[in-house]
């Protein structure tokens, strides 16, 4: 419906807006904002991208170069290098171990026709109304917003639940129980501890993982952080659930450590597990959960 190259970007830009997207382990998210007065026309343009995308060869070739530029720009980023190392050292039979970012070599940007064929196959399989969520926010009544959503997005085809089902975990007994030493490019010192967890998303409403990470991250009296600081071993702890993907999660605990802490990492690890054992002995505390 809107075949001009870059027309949606131009429309959004001309109406005080911006658009972007990202892909994580479990989903791709597109987000747009623009002047409230053009909401209906904007939704018509946005929905057309999903209902009848052109996926032109020349645009695909350009985008492959954009992906490669991002890859080259971040190739010396220590966090990205750590992620790549984690993937490389994970279960080789799990998709998690695959190269995620993409570059001109893996995308074969010199042959965009072949890349377009794969892109069309991907679109036809996964862009199904059954696995898409739509959120619209604007200064209109709920009835008006509902009417816009139905009018503009109903044409997205229903193909069933086509999400891939992954078996196993990227961290099996073959990958766990190891110490990995990683030389950074910048002057940073960290210790990371990882635990293989099942998929945490079914527990999103009660969030037991948040209870655990809140306790680990706590900085108050008698906390693990306070103990490590008072002993000159670490300055901060950050615990989070990483890779909330299909069928698995990973609990990641990162310690920003001092030179002394890096040399005596066993003391930090022992203190961490002693703290976890104490939390387990105490059992769930309602006051902590409420807080």
Foldseek 3Di string as FASTA:
>chain_A
DDPDPCPLQVVQVVFVKHKDWDDAQADIDIDMDGHQVCVLVNLQVVLCCLLPNPLDLVVQLVVLQVLQVVCVVCVQPQVVVVLLVLLCLWDPVFPSVDDDRHHCVVCVSVCSVVSSVVVVVCSVQAQAPVPDDDDDDHDDDPVVVVVSCCVRNVSRHHPDHRDDATDDFRHDPVRPPDDDDDDHPDPFDKDKDKDKFWQCVVVVVQPPVCLVQCQQQDDDPPGLQVVCVVVQFFNGKGWDWPRNHRTIIMIMIMTRTDPVNRVPVVVSVVSVVVVVVVDVVVDDDPVSSVD
